[in-house]
């Protein structure tokens, strides 16, 4: 019964309307401000609207991240600073951003040890400029968004047994494989970098 309800919903929700675009934008924007799992939002958007959700998702997620960044820097600076002071890893990440700038932002978008919404506030307390933060967020959050949206779209196609577009399915599979490989390789490097941050006495990896 539950699967049938989902199937019927997916059959009738594949067209983007002004209202559905606004809903998708709001969902991704909120994921940058609150503890809403972005991966789940991506999969749901992909299942409902396919790869057409990607051009909406990436800019909306970036806007949410920028709002959190500005809120931490100009509105809730003292509160965020107190939270950072309680966690050694957060202090280490903050120092790393001050030293490396957008490179740490890029790594955090792939495999940071801090949830995405929390890192947005954390970055607001560093010395990084708004413009480098914005473009690094936009570019480096895109692979994960593409990956999970494509997974959602592939799941929908499998559930509906939609074989009407072989080329479309092939593009989805290619997008999933390419994005997954990119995310895996960079995330592996990112985890190593953040392990070094969390353990200053650890010898650097080569």
Protein backbone atom coordinates (compact mmCIF):
# COMPACT_ATOMS: atom_id res chain seq x y z
CA UNK A 1 0.00 0.00 0.00
CA UNK A 2 2.78 2.42 0.94
CA UNK A 3 4.79 1.61 -2.21
CA UNK A 4 1.68 2.03 -4.34
CA UNK A 5 1.06 5.46 -2.84
CA UNK A 6 4.65 6.53 -3.56
CA UNK A 7 4.39 5.20 -7.11
CA UNK A 8 1.21 7.13 -7.78
CA UNK A 9 2.77 10.29 -6.34
CA UNK A 10 5.84 9.97 -8.53
CA UNK A 11 3.70 9.45 -11.60
CA UNK A 12 2.02 12.80 -11.11
CA UNK A 13 4.84 14.97 -9.75
CA UNK A 14 7.41 15.07 -12.52
CA UNK A 15 6.70 18.55 -13.86
CA UNK A 16 8.23 21.63 -12.32
CA UNK A 17 5.77 24.45 -11.74
CA UNK A 18 6.42 27.87 -10.19
CA UNK A 19 5.08 26.50 -6.91
CA UNK A 20 7.20 23.31 -6.97
CA UNK A 21 10.29 25.33 -7.92
CA UNK A 22 9.68 27.55 -4.88
CA UNK A 23 9.26 24.49 -2.65
CA UNK A 24 12.51 22.91 -3.89
CA UNK A 25 14.37 26.19 -3.47
CA UNK A 26 13.04 26.61 0.07
CA UNK A 27 13.96 23.04 1.04
CA UNK A 28 17.58 23.47 -0.08
CA UNK A 29 17.83 26.92 1.43
CA UNK A 30 16.63 25.61 4.81
CA UNK A 31 19.14 22.74 4.62
CA UNK A 32 21.89 25.35 4.80
CA UNK A 33 20.44 26.90 7.95
CA UNK A 34 19.04 24.03 9.98
CA UNK A 35 19.96 20.37 10.67
CA UNK A 36 18.07 19.07 7.64
CA UNK A 37 19.97 16.25 5.85
CA UNK A 38 20.77 17.66 2.42
CA UNK A 39 21.37 14.21 0.94
CA UNK A 40 17.78 13.24 1.70
CA UNK A 41 16.49 16.50 0.23
CA UNK A 42 18.53 15.82 -2.93
CA UNK A 43 17.21 12.28 -3.30
CA UNK A 44 13.62 13.41 -2.82
CA UNK A 45 14.02 16.24 -5.31
CA UNK A 46 15.58 13.88 -7.83
CA UNK A 47 12.81 11.32 -7.34
CA UNK A 48 10.11 13.94 -7.80
CA UNK A 49 11.57 16.09 -10.58
CA UNK A 50 14.60 14.29 -11.98
CA UNK A 51 17.81 16.02 -13.00
CA UNK A 52 15.83 19.21 -13.68
CA UNK A 53 16.10 19.84 -9.92
CA UNK A 54 19.89 20.31 -10.11
CA UNK A 55 19.92 23.90 -11.50
CA UNK A 56 17.54 24.84 -8.70
CA UNK A 57 19.23 22.89 -5.90
CA UNK A 58 22.81 24.14 -6.21
CA UNK A 59 22.07 27.89 -6.19
CA UNK A 60 19.45 27.49 -3.43
CA UNK A 61 21.85 25.50 -1.25
CA UNK A 62 24.49 28.16 -1.82
CA UNK A 63 22.10 30.95 -0.83
CA UNK A 64 21.23 29.09 2.39
CA UNK A 65 24.92 28.69 3.18
CA UNK A 66 25.57 32.39 2.55
CA UNK A 67 22.68 33.44 4.80
CA UNK A 68 24.06 31.28 7.63
CA UNK A 69 27.55 32.69 7.02
CA UNK A 70 26.32 36.28 7.23
CA UNK A 71 24.12 35.56 10.25
CA UNK A 72 27.09 34.14 12.15
CA UNK A 73 29.35 37.01 11.17
CA UNK A 74 27.01 39.93 11.81
CA UNK A 75 24.10 38.76 14.00
CA UNK A 76 25.03 35.82 16.22
CA UNK A 77 28.81 36.20 16.37
CA UNK A 78 29.12 35.90 20.15
CA UNK A 79 26.96 32.80 20.35
CA UNK A 80 28.80 31.02 17.52
CA UNK A 81 32.16 32.05 18.98
CA UNK A 82 31.24 30.45 22.32
CA UNK A 83 30.35 27.21 20.57
CA UNK A 84 33.64 27.20 18.68
CA UNK A 85 35.54 27.80 21.90
CA UNK A 86 34.16 24.59 23.42
CA UNK A 87 35.40 22.29 20.63
CA UNK A 88 39.07 21.85 19.79
CA UNK A 89 38.28 20.52 16.30
CA UNK A 90 36.17 23.59 15.49
CA UNK A 91 39.01 25.84 16.60
CA UNK A 92 41.44 23.87 14.43
CA UNK A 93 39.13 24.13 11.40
CA UNK A 94 38.69 27.85 12.00
CA UNK A 95 42.46 28.35 12.08
CA UNK A 96 42.87 26.21 8.96
CA UNK A 97 40.35 28.36 7.07
CA UNK A 98 42.22 31.49 8.14
CA UNK A 99 45.42 29.96 6.73
CA UNK A 100 44.16 28.12 3.64
CA UNK A 101 41.00 30.04 2.76
CA UNK A 102 38.66 28.53 0.18
CA UNK A 103 40.56 25.21 0.05
CA UNK A 104 39.26 24.20 3.48
CA UNK A 105 35.76 25.30 2.49
CA UNK A 106 36.01 23.05 -0.55
CA UNK A 107 37.13 20.07 1.52
CA UNK A 108 34.36 20.64 4.05
CA UNK A 109 31.78 20.47 1.29
CA UNK A 110 32.90 16.94 0.49
CA UNK A 111 33.70 15.25 3.79
CA UNK A 112 33.86 17.66 6.67
CA UNK A 113 33.65 16.33 10.23
CA UNK A 114 31.02 19.00 10.95
CA UNK A 115 27.45 18.94 9.54
CA UNK A 116 27.01 21.22 6.56
CA UNK A 117 24.65 23.68 8.20
CA UNK A 118 26.95 24.01 11.23
CA UNK A 119 30.02 24.58 9.06
CA UNK A 120 28.19 27.45 7.36
CA UNK A 121 27.99 29.26 10.70
CA UNK A 122 31.55 28.27 11.57
CA UNK A 123 32.91 29.81 8.37
CA UNK A 124 31.22 33.08 9.25
CA UNK A 125 33.59 33.41 12.21
CA UNK A 126 36.75 33.03 10.11
CA UNK A 127 38.65 35.58 8.07
CA UNK A 128 37.55 34.24 4.71
CA UNK A 129 35.88 36.79 2.45
CA UNK A 130 32.26 36.47 1.35
CA UNK A 131 33.10 36.10 -2.34
CA UNK A 132 35.67 33.24 -2.01
CA UNK A 133 33.32 31.49 0.42
CA UNK A 134 30.36 31.85 -1.94
CA UNK A 135 32.00 30.56 -5.09
CA UNK A 136 33.80 27.74 -3.27
CA UNK A 137 30.48 26.65 -1.77
CA UNK A 138 28.70 26.86 -5.12
CA UNK A 139 31.31 24.88 -7.02
CA UNK A 140 32.20 22.25 -4.47
CA UNK A 141 28.74 21.42 -3.18
CA UNK A 142 27.62 20.71 -6.76
CA UNK A 143 29.12 17.18 -7.13
CA UNK A 144 27.31 15.81 -4.09
CA UNK A 145 24.06 17.51 -5.07
CA UNK A 146 24.32 16.07 -8.59
CA UNK A 147 25.14 12.62 -7.22
CA UNK A 148 22.18 12.38 -4.85
CA UNK A 149 19.71 14.02 -7.23
CA UNK A 150 20.73 11.51 -9.91
CA UNK A 151 20.31 8.68 -7.41
CA UNK A 152 16.80 9.90 -6.69
CA UNK A 153 16.03 10.15 -10.40
CA UNK A 154 17.43 6.66 -11.00
CA UNK A 155 15.37 5.29 -8.13
CA UNK A 156 12.23 6.81 -9.59
CA UNK A 157 12.95 5.34 -13.03
CA UNK A 158 13.51 1.91 -11.49
CA UNK A 159 10.37 2.12 -9.37
CA UNK A 160 8.21 3.18 -12.31
CA UNK A 161 10.05 0.85 -14.71
CA UNK A 162 10.31 3.77 -17.09
CA UNK A 163 12.18 2.65 -20.20
CA UNK A 164 10.90 5.41 -22.48
CA UNK A 165 14.26 7.16 -22.69
CA UNK A 166 17.35 4.99 -22.86
CA UNK A 167 19.54 8.03 -23.46
CA UNK A 168 18.11 9.77 -20.41
CA UNK A 169 18.73 6.74 -18.23
CA UNK A 170 22.27 6.41 -19.58
CA UNK A 171 22.95 10.05 -18.73
CA UNK A 172 21.65 9.52 -15.20
CA UNK A 173 23.87 6.46 -14.73
CA UNK A 174 26.88 8.32 -16.13
CA UNK A 175 26.16 11.24 -13.82
CA UNK A 176 25.90 8.94 -10.81
CA UNK A 177 29.15 7.11 -11.59
CA UNK A 178 31.13 10.26 -12.39
CA UNK A 179 29.86 12.18 -9.38
CA UNK A 180 30.34 9.24 -7.03
CA UNK A 181 33.95 8.77 -8.18
CA UNK A 182 34.72 12.47 -7.78
CA UNK A 183 33.08 12.66 -4.36
CA UNK A 184 34.87 9.50 -3.18
CA UNK A 185 38.34 10.62 -4.26
CA UNK A 186 38.10 14.12 -2.83
CA UNK A 187 36.28 12.95 0.31
CA UNK A 188 39.09 10.45 0.96
CA UNK A 189 41.64 13.26 0.79
CA UNK A 190 39.43 15.50 2.90
CA UNK A 191 39.05 12.91 5.68
CA UNK A 192 42.82 12.56 5.84
CA UNK A 193 43.23 16.34 6.08
CA UNK A 194 40.69 16.69 8.86
CA UNK A 195 42.18 13.75 10.74
CA UNK A 196 45.44 15.70 10.78
CA UNK A 197 43.59 18.76 12.09
CA UNK A 198 41.96 16.77 14.87
CA UNK A 199 45.29 15.21 15.86
CA UNK A 200 48.08 17.82 15.65
CA UNK A 201 50.71 15.27 16.74
CA UNK A 202 49.90 13.00 13.82
CA UNK A 203 52.58 12.97 11.12
CA UNK A 204 51.39 14.42 7.79
CA UNK A 205 50.29 11.99 5.14
CA UNK A 206 52.15 11.89 1.86
